[in-house]
């Protein structure tokens, strides 16, 4: 099951799995991994990322399985 996340939490999680914030335009943070994958994360204060958008980011931008994402999230929350 997908976690409910805020944008800033997703940015921090992505940084733990090798993504770097390369720019911010308005409330969206553009991130890039060393292997060339990109994603944009909306960081709206107080708002959760919609489930559909989170699923799209995981499948299409991160190119990882939902299970791998949940595992990474659980490791991240353990810190």
C-alpha atoms as a PDB file:
ATOM      1  CA  UNK A   1       0.000   0.000   0.000  1.00  0.00           C
ATOM      2  CA  UNK A   2       1.278   3.428  -0.928  1.00  0.00           C
ATOM      3  CA  UNK A   3       2.143   5.793   1.897  1.00  0.00           C
ATOM      4  CA  UNK A   4       0.520   9.201   2.235  1.00  0.00           C
ATOM      5  CA  UNK A   5       3.326  11.707   1.692  1.00  0.00           C
ATOM      6  CA  UNK A   6       3.962  15.408   1.598  1.00  0.00           C
ATOM      7  CA  UNK A   7       6.103  16.783  -1.224  1.00  0.00           C
ATOM      8  CA  UNK A   8       9.048  17.661   1.015  1.00  0.00           C
ATOM      9  CA  UNK A   9       9.053  14.086   2.383  1.00  0.00           C
ATOM     10  CA  UNK A  10       9.151  12.675  -1.146  1.00  0.00           C
ATOM     11  CA  UNK A  11      12.057  15.000  -2.031  1.00  0.00           C
ATOM     12  CA  UNK A  12      13.967  13.799   1.057  1.00  0.00           C
ATOM     13  CA  UNK A  13      13.190  10.149   0.252  1.00  0.00           C
ATOM     14  CA  UNK A  14      14.353  10.551  -3.352  1.00  0.00           C
ATOM     15  CA  UNK A  15      17.607  12.073  -2.115  1.00  0.00           C
ATOM     16  CA  UNK A  16      18.240   8.890  -0.091  1.00  0.00           C
ATOM     17  CA  UNK A  17      17.898   6.743  -3.240  1.00  0.00           C
ATOM     18  CA  UNK A  18      20.251   8.795  -5.398  1.00  0.00           C
ATOM     19  CA  UNK A  19      18.248  11.727  -6.753  1.00  0.00           C
ATOM     20  CA  UNK A  20      19.471  15.319  -6.515  1.00  0.00           C
ATOM     21  CA  UNK A  21      17.352  18.462  -6.600  1.00  0.00           C
ATOM     22  CA  UNK A  22      18.584  20.405  -9.633  1.00  0.00           C
ATOM     23  CA  UNK A  23      16.141  23.313  -9.602  1.00  0.00           C
ATOM     24  CA  UNK A  24      12.919  24.602  -8.178  1.00  0.00           C
ATOM     25  CA  UNK A  25      10.351  26.543 -10.126  1.00  0.00           C
ATOM     26  CA  UNK A  26       7.523  27.842  -8.010  1.00  0.00           C
ATOM     27  CA  UNK A  27       6.333  24.991  -5.842  1.00  0.00           C
ATOM     28  CA  UNK A  28       7.804  22.216  -8.014  1.00  0.00           C
ATOM     29  CA  UNK A  29      11.208  20.668  -7.379  1.00  0.00           C
ATOM     30  CA  UNK A  30      12.935  19.095 -10.391  1.00  0.00           C
ATOM     31  CA  UNK A  31      15.086  16.101  -9.468  1.00  0.00           C
ATOM     32  CA  UNK A  32      17.609  14.033 -11.402  1.00  0.00           C
ATOM     33  CA  UNK A  33      19.335  10.738 -10.702  1.00  0.00           C
ATOM     34  CA  UNK A  34      22.893   9.857 -11.664  1.00  0.00           C
ATOM     35  CA  UNK A  35      21.596   7.473 -14.331  1.00  0.00           C
ATOM     36  CA  UNK A  36      19.573  10.181 -16.071  1.00  0.00           C
ATOM     37  CA  UNK A  37      16.056   9.717 -14.679  1.00  0.00           C
ATOM     38  CA  UNK A  38      14.096  12.908 -13.969  1.00  0.00           C
ATOM     39  CA  UNK A  39      10.995  13.748 -11.972  1.00  0.00           C
ATOM     40  CA  UNK A  40       9.153  16.816 -10.727  1.00  0.00           C
ATOM     41  CA  UNK A  41       7.745  16.851  -7.212  1.00  0.00           C
ATOM     42  CA  UNK A  42       5.035  19.318  -6.169  1.00  0.00           C
ATOM     43  CA  UNK A  43       5.852  20.808  -2.768  1.00  0.00           C
ATOM     44  CA  UNK A  44       2.669  22.516  -1.602  1.00  0.00           C
ATOM     45  CA  UNK A  45       2.787  23.254   2.124  1.00  0.00           C
ATOM     46  CA  UNK A  46       0.313  21.204   4.088  1.00  0.00           C
ATOM     47  CA  UNK A  47      -0.883  19.153   1.118  1.00  0.00           C
ATOM     48  CA  UNK A  48      -0.337  15.453   0.464  1.00  0.00           C
ATOM     49  CA  UNK A  49       0.714  14.230  -2.966  1.00  0.00           C
ATOM     50  CA  UNK A  50      -2.339  12.669  -4.671  1.00  0.00           C
ATOM     51  CA  UNK A  51      -2.134   8.850  -4.905  1.00  0.00           C
ATOM     52  CA  UNK A  52      -2.423   8.860  -8.691  1.00  0.00           C
ATOM     53  CA  UNK A  53       0.436  11.321  -9.095  1.00  0.00           C
ATOM     54  CA  UNK A  54       2.614   9.409  -6.636  1.00  0.00           C
ATOM     55  CA  UNK A  55       1.924   6.188  -8.552  1.00  0.00           C
ATOM     56  CA  UNK A  56       2.818   7.936 -11.855  1.00  0.00           C
ATOM     57  CA  UNK A  57       6.068   9.298 -10.395  1.00  0.00           C
ATOM     58  CA  UNK A  58       7.047   5.832  -9.122  1.00  0.00           C
ATOM     59  CA  UNK A  59       6.185   3.906 -12.313  1.00  0.00           C
ATOM     60  CA  UNK A  60       7.109   6.342 -15.067  1.00  0.00           C
ATOM     61  CA  UNK A  61       9.735   8.679 -13.601  1.00  0.00           C
ATOM     62  CA  UNK A  62      11.541   6.538 -11.022  1.00  0.00           C
ATOM     63  CA  UNK A  63      11.043   3.356 -13.063  1.00  0.00           C
ATOM     64  CA  UNK A  64      10.861   1.170  -9.948  1.00  0.00           C
ATOM     65  CA  UNK A  65       8.185  -1.168  -8.635  1.00  0.00           C
ATOM     66  CA  UNK A  66       5.684  -0.055  -6.026  1.00  0.00           C
ATOM     67  CA  UNK A  67       7.151  -2.683  -3.685  1.00  0.00           C
ATOM     68  CA  UNK A  68      10.676  -1.262  -4.074  1.00  0.00           C
ATOM     69  CA  UNK A  69       9.317   2.217  -3.394  1.00  0.00           C
ATOM     70  CA  UNK A  70       7.511   1.084  -0.231  1.00  0.00           C
ATOM     71  CA  UNK A  71      10.718  -0.665   0.947  1.00  0.00           C
ATOM     72  CA  UNK A  72      12.707   2.534   0.379  1.00  0.00           C
ATOM     73  CA  UNK A  73      10.021   4.520   2.215  1.00  0.00           C
ATOM     74  CA  UNK A  74      10.140   2.199   5.215  1.00  0.00           C
ATOM     75  CA  UNK A  75      13.951   2.519   5.381  1.00  0.00           C
ATOM     76  CA  UNK A  76      13.620   6.302   5.079  1.00  0.00           C
ATOM     77  CA  UNK A  77      11.062   6.487   7.902  1.00  0.00           C
ATOM     78  CA  UNK A  78      13.354   4.383  10.075  1.00  0.00           C
ATOM     79  CA  UNK A  79      15.862   7.259  10.219  1.00  0.00           C
END
